[in-house]
Amino acid sequence: MSESGFHAAASSLPKIMLPAGPSAKRDNLSDLLRRCPLATVQAARRFRLSRDEAEVPTIVNGVISRYQERNQVNLLEQPKDSLRLVEDLGLDSLTMIEISMTLEDVLEVSLSDEKLRQLRTLGDIKSYAQRSLAS
């Protein structure tokens, strides 16, 4: 029993969370972007340091490529903004939710599910992500 008359087991006390350092953020990005091309991870790291919107297209392309069928990945090797999400890339609504969650975590922004449902092309996603950074 302590001087205050209160006795607590150490296992019942809340864990102390220390702020994550730079290496923890790098590891977190590697986890978030698992199975994405190395260029995507590198762009995300540069983005986190600089917040440079020029990195967004590489990040978006890489995140989407993670969900592509093997026979469709080549579409994102030299991606065109006019690629249609459903018809050309074969993305469904569940995949779009997963992509948006990953982009939110990587870019540290909030993306509206309602707005995401309105996006039709790869260029739409890139533009929307870049506009969300300014908000």
N, C-alpha and C. Protein backbone atom coordinates (compact mmCIF):
# COMPACT_ATOMS: atom_id res chain seq x y z
N MET A 1 0.85 -1.17 0.00
CA MET A 1 0.00 0.00 0.00
C MET A 1 0.89 1.24 0.00
N SER A 2 0.51 2.26 -0.74
CA SER A 2 1.29 3.49 -0.84
C SER A 2 0.98 4.40 0.34
N GLU A 3 1.72 5.51 0.42
CA GLU A 3 1.51 6.47 1.50
C GLU A 3 0.10 7.05 1.47
N SER A 4 -0.49 7.14 0.30
CA SER A 4 -1.84 7.73 0.20
C SER A 4 -2.92 6.73 0.59
N GLY A 5 -2.50 5.49 0.85
CA GLY A 5 -3.48 4.48 1.20
C GLY A 5 -4.07 3.81 -0.03
N PHE A 6 -3.57 4.10 -1.21
CA PHE A 6 -4.06 3.53 -2.45
C PHE A 6 -3.09 2.46 -2.93
N HIS A 7 -3.61 1.33 -3.27
CA HIS A 7 -2.77 0.23 -3.74
C HIS A 7 -3.22 -0.13 -5.16
N ALA A 8 -2.28 -0.12 -6.08
CA ALA A 8 -2.62 -0.46 -7.47
C ALA A 8 -1.58 -1.42 -8.01
N ALA A 9 -2.06 -2.38 -8.73
CA ALA A 9 -1.15 -3.32 -9.38
C ALA A 9 -0.55 -2.63 -10.60
N ALA A 10 0.73 -2.85 -10.84
CA ALA A 10 1.41 -2.23 -11.97
C ALA A 10 0.74 -2.60 -13.29
N SER A 11 0.19 -3.78 -13.39
CA SER A 11 -0.44 -4.21 -14.64
C SER A 11 -1.74 -3.46 -14.93
N SER A 12 -2.31 -2.81 -13.91
CA SER A 12 -3.57 -2.10 -14.14
C SER A 12 -3.35 -0.63 -14.49
N LEU A 13 -2.11 -0.16 -14.43
CA LEU A 13 -1.83 1.23 -14.76
C LEU A 13 -1.76 1.41 -16.27
N PRO A 14 -2.16 2.56 -16.78
CA PRO A 14 -2.11 2.78 -18.23
C PRO A 14 -0.66 2.83 -18.72
N LYS A 15 -0.47 2.39 -19.97
CA LYS A 15 0.86 2.43 -20.56
C LYS A 15 1.22 3.88 -20.86
N ILE A 16 2.49 4.18 -20.73
CA ILE A 16 2.98 5.51 -21.06
C ILE A 16 3.43 5.48 -22.51
N MET A 17 2.87 6.37 -23.32
CA MET A 17 3.22 6.43 -24.73
C MET A 17 4.18 7.60 -24.95
N LEU A 18 5.35 7.30 -25.46
CA LEU A 18 6.32 8.34 -25.76
C LEU A 18 6.13 8.79 -27.20
N PRO A 19 6.45 10.04 -27.51
CA PRO A 19 6.31 10.50 -28.90
C PRO A 19 7.20 9.68 -29.82
N ALA A 20 6.69 9.41 -31.00
CA ALA A 20 7.46 8.64 -31.97
C ALA A 20 8.54 9.52 -32.56
N GLY A 21 9.72 8.96 -32.70
CA GLY A 21 10.83 9.67 -33.31
C GLY A 21 10.83 9.48 -34.81
N PRO A 22 11.80 10.07 -35.50
CA PRO A 22 11.86 9.97 -36.96
C PRO A 22 11.95 8.54 -37.47
N SER A 23 12.67 7.66 -36.77
CA SER A 23 12.79 6.29 -37.26
C SER A 23 11.47 5.55 -37.13
N ALA A 24 10.66 5.89 -36.12
CA ALA A 24 9.35 5.25 -35.98
C ALA A 24 8.44 5.65 -37.12
N LYS A 25 8.53 6.92 -37.55
CA LYS A 25 7.71 7.37 -38.67
C LYS A 25 8.12 6.66 -39.95
N ARG A 26 9.42 6.46 -40.15
CA ARG A 26 9.89 5.74 -41.33
C ARG A 26 9.38 4.31 -41.32
N ASP A 27 9.46 3.66 -40.16
CA ASP A 27 8.98 2.28 -40.05
C ASP A 27 7.48 2.22 -40.29
N ASN A 28 6.73 3.20 -39.79
CA ASN A 28 5.29 3.25 -39.98
C ASN A 28 4.97 3.36 -41.47
N LEU A 29 5.69 4.20 -42.20
CA LEU A 29 5.46 4.32 -43.64
C LEU A 29 5.76 3.01 -44.34
N SER A 30 6.80 2.34 -43.94
CA SER A 30 7.12 1.05 -44.56
C SER A 30 5.99 0.05 -44.33
N ASP A 31 5.41 0.08 -43.15
CA ASP A 31 4.27 -0.81 -42.86
C ASP A 31 3.04 -0.41 -43.67
N LEU A 32 2.75 0.89 -43.70
CA LEU A 32 1.58 1.37 -44.44
C LEU A 32 1.68 1.06 -45.93
N LEU A 33 2.89 1.12 -46.46
CA LEU A 33 3.10 0.96 -47.90
C LEU A 33 3.69 -0.40 -48.26
N ARG A 34 3.47 -1.35 -47.40
CA ARG A 34 3.92 -2.72 -47.68
C ARG A 34 3.33 -3.18 -49.00
N ARG A 35 4.12 -3.83 -49.81
CA ARG A 35 3.75 -4.32 -51.14
C ARG A 35 3.59 -3.21 -52.18
N CYS A 36 4.00 -1.99 -51.84
CA CYS A 36 4.03 -0.91 -52.82
C CYS A 36 5.45 -0.82 -53.39
N PRO A 37 5.60 -0.26 -54.57
CA PRO A 37 6.94 -0.09 -55.13
C PRO A 37 7.82 0.76 -54.21
N LEU A 38 9.12 0.52 -54.25
CA LEU A 38 10.07 1.26 -53.43
C LEU A 38 9.96 2.77 -53.70
N ALA A 39 9.74 3.16 -54.94
CA ALA A 39 9.61 4.58 -55.29
C ALA A 39 8.47 5.23 -54.51
N THR A 40 7.43 4.47 -54.22
CA THR A 40 6.29 5.00 -53.46
C THR A 40 6.69 5.30 -52.03
N VAL A 41 7.40 4.38 -51.42
CA VAL A 41 7.87 4.56 -50.04
C VAL A 41 8.81 5.76 -49.97
N GLN A 42 9.71 5.85 -50.92
CA GLN A 42 10.65 6.97 -50.94
C GLN A 42 9.93 8.30 -51.13
N ALA A 43 8.94 8.33 -52.03
CA ALA A 43 8.16 9.56 -52.24
C ALA A 43 7.40 9.94 -50.97
N ALA A 44 6.86 8.94 -50.27
CA ALA A 44 6.12 9.21 -49.04
C ALA A 44 7.04 9.77 -47.96
N ARG A 45 8.24 9.24 -47.88
CA ARG A 45 9.20 9.78 -46.90
C ARG A 45 9.56 11.22 -47.22
N ARG A 46 9.81 11.49 -48.51
CA ARG A 46 10.12 12.87 -48.91
C ARG A 46 8.94 13.78 -48.63
N PHE A 47 7.72 13.30 -48.91
CA PHE A 47 6.52 14.08 -48.66
C PHE A 47 6.39 14.43 -47.18
N ARG A 48 6.62 13.45 -46.32
CA ARG A 48 6.48 13.69 -44.88
C ARG A 48 7.47 14.75 -44.40
N LEU A 49 8.64 14.82 -45.04
CA LEU A 49 9.63 15.81 -44.64
C LEU A 49 9.33 17.20 -45.21
N SER A 50 8.86 17.23 -46.45
CA SER A 50 8.72 18.51 -47.15
C SER A 50 7.28 18.98 -47.35
N ARG A 51 6.32 18.03 -47.29
CA ARG A 51 4.91 18.30 -47.60
C ARG A 51 4.77 18.79 -49.05
N ASP A 52 5.67 18.37 -49.92
CA ASP A 52 5.69 18.77 -51.32
C ASP A 52 4.61 18.00 -52.09
N GLU A 53 3.64 18.73 -52.63
CA GLU A 53 2.53 18.11 -53.36
C GLU A 53 3.00 17.38 -54.62
N ALA A 54 4.18 17.68 -55.11
CA ALA A 54 4.71 17.01 -56.30
C ALA A 54 4.93 15.52 -56.05
N GLU A 55 5.00 15.09 -54.80
CA GLU A 55 5.19 13.68 -54.45
C GLU A 55 3.87 12.90 -54.50
N VAL A 56 2.75 13.59 -54.46
CA VAL A 56 1.44 12.94 -54.37
C VAL A 56 1.16 11.98 -55.53
N PRO A 57 1.40 12.36 -56.79
CA PRO A 57 1.11 11.40 -57.87
C PRO A 57 1.85 10.07 -57.73
N THR A 58 3.11 10.11 -57.34
CA THR A 58 3.87 8.87 -57.15
C THR A 58 3.27 8.03 -56.03
N ILE A 59 2.85 8.69 -54.96
CA ILE A 59 2.25 7.98 -53.83
C ILE A 59 0.92 7.35 -54.25
N VAL A 60 0.08 8.12 -54.93
CA VAL A 60 -1.23 7.62 -55.37
C VAL A 60 -1.05 6.43 -56.31
N ASN A 61 -0.17 6.58 -57.30
CA ASN A 61 0.07 5.48 -58.26
C ASN A 61 0.54 4.22 -57.54
N GLY A 62 1.46 4.38 -56.61
CA GLY A 62 1.99 3.23 -55.89
C GLY A 62 0.97 2.54 -55.02
N VAL A 63 0.15 3.34 -54.33
CA VAL A 63 -0.89 2.75 -53.47
C VAL A 63 -1.90 1.99 -54.33
N ILE A 64 -2.30 2.57 -55.45
CA ILE A 64 -3.25 1.88 -56.31
C ILE A 64 -2.63 0.61 -56.90
N SER A 65 -1.36 0.66 -57.26
CA SER A 65 -0.71 -0.52 -57.86
C SER A 65 -0.70 -1.70 -56.89
N ARG A 66 -0.70 -1.41 -55.61
CA ARG A 66 -0.73 -2.45 -54.59
C ARG A 66 -1.98 -3.32 -54.70
N TYR A 67 -3.06 -2.75 -55.20
CA TYR A 67 -4.33 -3.46 -55.28
C TYR A 67 -4.64 -3.98 -56.68
N GLN A 68 -3.72 -3.84 -57.59
CA GLN A 68 -3.94 -4.26 -58.97
C GLN A 68 -3.68 -5.74 -59.18
N GLU A 69 -4.43 -6.30 -60.10
CA GLU A 69 -4.16 -7.66 -60.55
C GLU A 69 -2.84 -7.63 -61.31
N ARG A 70 -2.14 -8.75 -61.31
CA ARG A 70 -0.84 -8.81 -61.98
C ARG A 70 -0.91 -8.36 -63.44
N ASN A 71 -1.98 -8.72 -64.13
CA ASN A 71 -2.09 -8.38 -65.55
C ASN A 71 -2.44 -6.91 -65.78
N GLN A 72 -2.75 -6.15 -64.73
CA GLN A 72 -3.11 -4.74 -64.88
C GLN A 72 -2.05 -3.78 -64.33
N VAL A 73 -1.05 -4.32 -63.63
CA VAL A 73 -0.03 -3.47 -63.01
C VAL A 73 0.70 -2.64 -64.06
N ASN A 74 0.87 -3.20 -65.27
CA ASN A 74 1.59 -2.46 -66.30
C ASN A 74 0.90 -1.15 -66.68
N LEU A 75 -0.40 -1.02 -66.42
CA LEU A 75 -1.11 0.22 -66.70
C LEU A 75 -0.56 1.38 -65.86
N LEU A 76 0.00 1.07 -64.70
CA LEU A 76 0.50 2.12 -63.81
C LEU A 76 2.01 2.34 -63.95
N GLU A 77 2.65 1.62 -64.88
CA GLU A 77 4.08 1.86 -65.11
C GLU A 77 4.30 3.22 -65.73
N GLN A 78 3.45 3.60 -66.66
CA GLN A 78 3.44 4.95 -67.23
C GLN A 78 1.99 5.44 -67.17
N PRO A 79 1.54 5.78 -65.97
CA PRO A 79 0.11 6.06 -65.76
C PRO A 79 -0.37 7.31 -66.46
N LYS A 80 -1.58 7.23 -66.94
CA LYS A 80 -2.25 8.38 -67.54
C LYS A 80 -3.37 8.80 -66.59
N ASP A 81 -3.50 10.10 -66.42
CA ASP A 81 -4.55 10.61 -65.54
C ASP A 81 -5.94 10.24 -66.03
N SER A 82 -6.07 9.89 -67.30
CA SER A 82 -7.38 9.55 -67.86
C SER A 82 -7.80 8.10 -67.58
N LEU A 83 -6.92 7.30 -66.95
CA LEU A 83 -7.29 5.92 -66.63
C LEU A 83 -8.52 5.92 -65.72
N ARG A 84 -9.53 5.15 -66.12
CA ARG A 84 -10.76 5.07 -65.34
C ARG A 84 -10.58 4.03 -64.22
N LEU A 85 -11.03 4.40 -63.04
CA LEU A 85 -10.81 3.57 -61.86
C LEU A 85 -11.50 2.21 -61.96
N VAL A 86 -12.73 2.19 -62.39
CA VAL A 86 -13.49 0.95 -62.46
C VAL A 86 -13.21 0.21 -63.77
N GLU A 87 -13.43 0.89 -64.87
CA GLU A 87 -13.36 0.24 -66.17
C GLU A 87 -11.94 -0.18 -66.56
N ASP A 88 -10.95 0.68 -66.33
CA ASP A 88 -9.58 0.39 -66.75
C ASP A 88 -8.76 -0.31 -65.67
N LEU A 89 -8.91 0.14 -64.43
CA LEU A 89 -8.09 -0.40 -63.34
C LEU A 89 -8.79 -1.48 -62.53
N GLY A 90 -10.09 -1.65 -62.74
CA GLY A 90 -10.83 -2.73 -62.09
C GLY A 90 -11.02 -2.54 -60.60
N LEU A 91 -11.04 -1.31 -60.12
CA LEU A 91 -11.21 -1.05 -58.69
C LEU A 91 -12.69 -1.10 -58.32
N ASP A 92 -12.99 -1.72 -57.19
CA ASP A 92 -14.36 -1.74 -56.70
C ASP A 92 -14.46 -0.83 -55.48
N SER A 93 -15.65 -0.69 -54.93
CA SER A 93 -15.86 0.26 -53.83
C SER A 93 -15.07 -0.12 -52.58
N LEU A 94 -14.95 -1.40 -52.28
CA LEU A 94 -14.17 -1.82 -51.11
C LEU A 94 -12.70 -1.47 -51.29
N THR A 95 -12.19 -1.70 -52.47
CA THR A 95 -10.79 -1.36 -52.76
C THR A 95 -10.57 0.14 -52.66
N MET A 96 -11.53 0.92 -53.13
CA MET A 96 -11.42 2.38 -53.03
C MET A 96 -11.36 2.83 -51.57
N ILE A 97 -12.11 2.17 -50.70
CA ILE A 97 -12.06 2.50 -49.28
C ILE A 97 -10.68 2.19 -48.72
N GLU A 98 -10.13 1.05 -49.08
CA GLU A 98 -8.79 0.68 -48.61
C GLU A 98 -7.74 1.67 -49.13
N ILE A 99 -7.86 2.05 -50.39
CA ILE A 99 -6.93 3.02 -50.97
C ILE A 99 -7.04 4.35 -50.24
N SER A 100 -8.26 4.81 -49.99
CA SER A 100 -8.43 6.10 -49.32
C SER A 100 -7.90 6.06 -47.90
N MET A 101 -8.08 4.95 -47.20
CA MET A 101 -7.56 4.84 -45.83
C MET A 101 -6.02 4.89 -45.84
N THR A 102 -5.43 4.21 -46.79
CA THR A 102 -3.96 4.24 -46.89
C THR A 102 -3.47 5.64 -47.22
N LEU A 103 -4.13 6.30 -48.17
CA LEU A 103 -3.73 7.66 -48.53
C LEU A 103 -3.90 8.62 -47.36
N GLU A 104 -4.98 8.47 -46.61
CA GLU A 104 -5.18 9.32 -45.43
C GLU A 104 -4.04 9.16 -44.45
N ASP A 105 -3.63 7.92 -44.21
CA ASP A 105 -2.56 7.66 -43.25
C ASP A 105 -1.21 8.18 -43.76
N VAL A 106 -0.93 7.95 -45.03
CA VAL A 106 0.36 8.34 -45.58
C VAL A 106 0.45 9.86 -45.71
N LEU A 107 -0.59 10.49 -46.24
CA LEU A 107 -0.57 11.93 -46.48
C LEU A 107 -0.98 12.74 -45.26
N GLU A 108 -1.50 12.05 -44.25
CA GLU A 108 -1.95 12.69 -43.02
C GLU A 108 -3.02 13.75 -43.30
N VAL A 109 -4.04 13.32 -44.07
CA VAL A 109 -5.19 14.16 -44.41
C VAL A 109 -6.47 13.37 -44.18
N SER A 110 -7.59 14.06 -44.27
CA SER A 110 -8.88 13.39 -44.18
C SER A 110 -9.55 13.49 -45.54
N LEU A 111 -9.97 12.34 -46.06
CA LEU A 111 -10.63 12.29 -47.36
C LEU A 111 -12.08 11.89 -47.14
N SER A 112 -12.99 12.59 -47.78
CA SER A 112 -14.41 12.34 -47.64
C SER A 112 -14.82 11.11 -48.45
N ASP A 113 -15.48 10.15 -47.80
CA ASP A 113 -15.97 8.96 -48.50
C ASP A 113 -16.97 9.35 -49.59
N GLU A 114 -17.79 10.34 -49.29
CA GLU A 114 -18.79 10.78 -50.27
C GLU A 114 -18.10 11.32 -51.53
N LYS A 115 -17.07 12.13 -51.32
CA LYS A 115 -16.34 12.71 -52.46
C LYS A 115 -15.60 11.60 -53.22
N LEU A 116 -15.03 10.65 -52.51
CA LEU A 116 -14.31 9.55 -53.18
C LEU A 116 -15.21 8.76 -54.11
N ARG A 117 -16.46 8.61 -53.75
CA ARG A 117 -17.40 7.87 -54.61
C ARG A 117 -17.65 8.58 -55.92
N GLN A 118 -17.39 9.87 -55.97
CA GLN A 118 -17.62 10.65 -57.18
C GLN A 118 -16.42 10.64 -58.13
N LEU A 119 -15.28 10.19 -57.66
CA LEU A 119 -14.07 10.21 -58.48
C LEU A 119 -14.13 9.10 -59.52
N ARG A 120 -13.74 9.41 -60.72
CA ARG A 120 -13.84 8.44 -61.82
C ARG A 120 -12.51 8.06 -62.44
N THR A 121 -11.49 8.94 -62.34
CA THR A 121 -10.21 8.66 -63.00
C THR A 121 -9.04 8.76 -62.03
N LEU A 122 -7.92 8.28 -62.48
CA LEU A 122 -6.69 8.36 -61.69
C LEU A 122 -6.35 9.83 -61.42
N GLY A 123 -6.53 10.66 -62.43
CA GLY A 123 -6.28 12.10 -62.27
C GLY A 123 -7.19 12.72 -61.22
N ASP A 124 -8.43 12.25 -61.15
CA ASP A 124 -9.37 12.75 -60.13
C ASP A 124 -8.84 12.48 -58.73
N ILE A 125 -8.31 11.28 -58.51
CA ILE A 125 -7.80 10.94 -57.17
C ILE A 125 -6.60 11.81 -56.83
N LYS A 126 -5.68 11.97 -57.77
CA LYS A 126 -4.48 12.79 -57.53
C LYS A 126 -4.88 14.23 -57.20
N SER A 127 -5.79 14.80 -57.99
CA SER A 127 -6.22 16.18 -57.76
C SER A 127 -6.91 16.32 -56.41
N TYR A 128 -7.78 15.38 -56.09
CA TYR A 128 -8.50 15.44 -54.82
C TYR A 128 -7.53 15.33 -53.64
N ALA A 129 -6.56 14.44 -53.72
CA ALA A 129 -5.57 14.29 -52.64
C ALA A 129 -4.77 15.58 -52.48
N GLN A 130 -4.36 16.19 -53.59
CA GLN A 130 -3.60 17.42 -53.52
C GLN A 130 -4.44 18.57 -52.94
N ARG A 131 -5.71 18.66 -53.34
CA ARG A 131 -6.59 19.70 -52.79
C ARG A 131 -6.81 19.48 -51.29
N SER A 132 -6.87 18.22 -50.86
CA SER A 132 -7.09 17.93 -49.45
C SER A 132 -5.92 18.38 -48.59
N LEU A 133 -4.75 18.44 -49.17
CA LEU A 133 -3.58 18.91 -48.42
C LEU A 133 -3.70 20.40 -48.09
N ALA A 134 -4.34 21.14 -48.97
CA ALA A 134 -4.49 22.59 -48.77
C ALA A 134 -5.56 22.91 -47.74
N SER A 135 -6.45 21.98 -47.48
CA SER A 135 -7.56 22.23 -46.55
C SER A 135 -7.10 22.21 -45.12
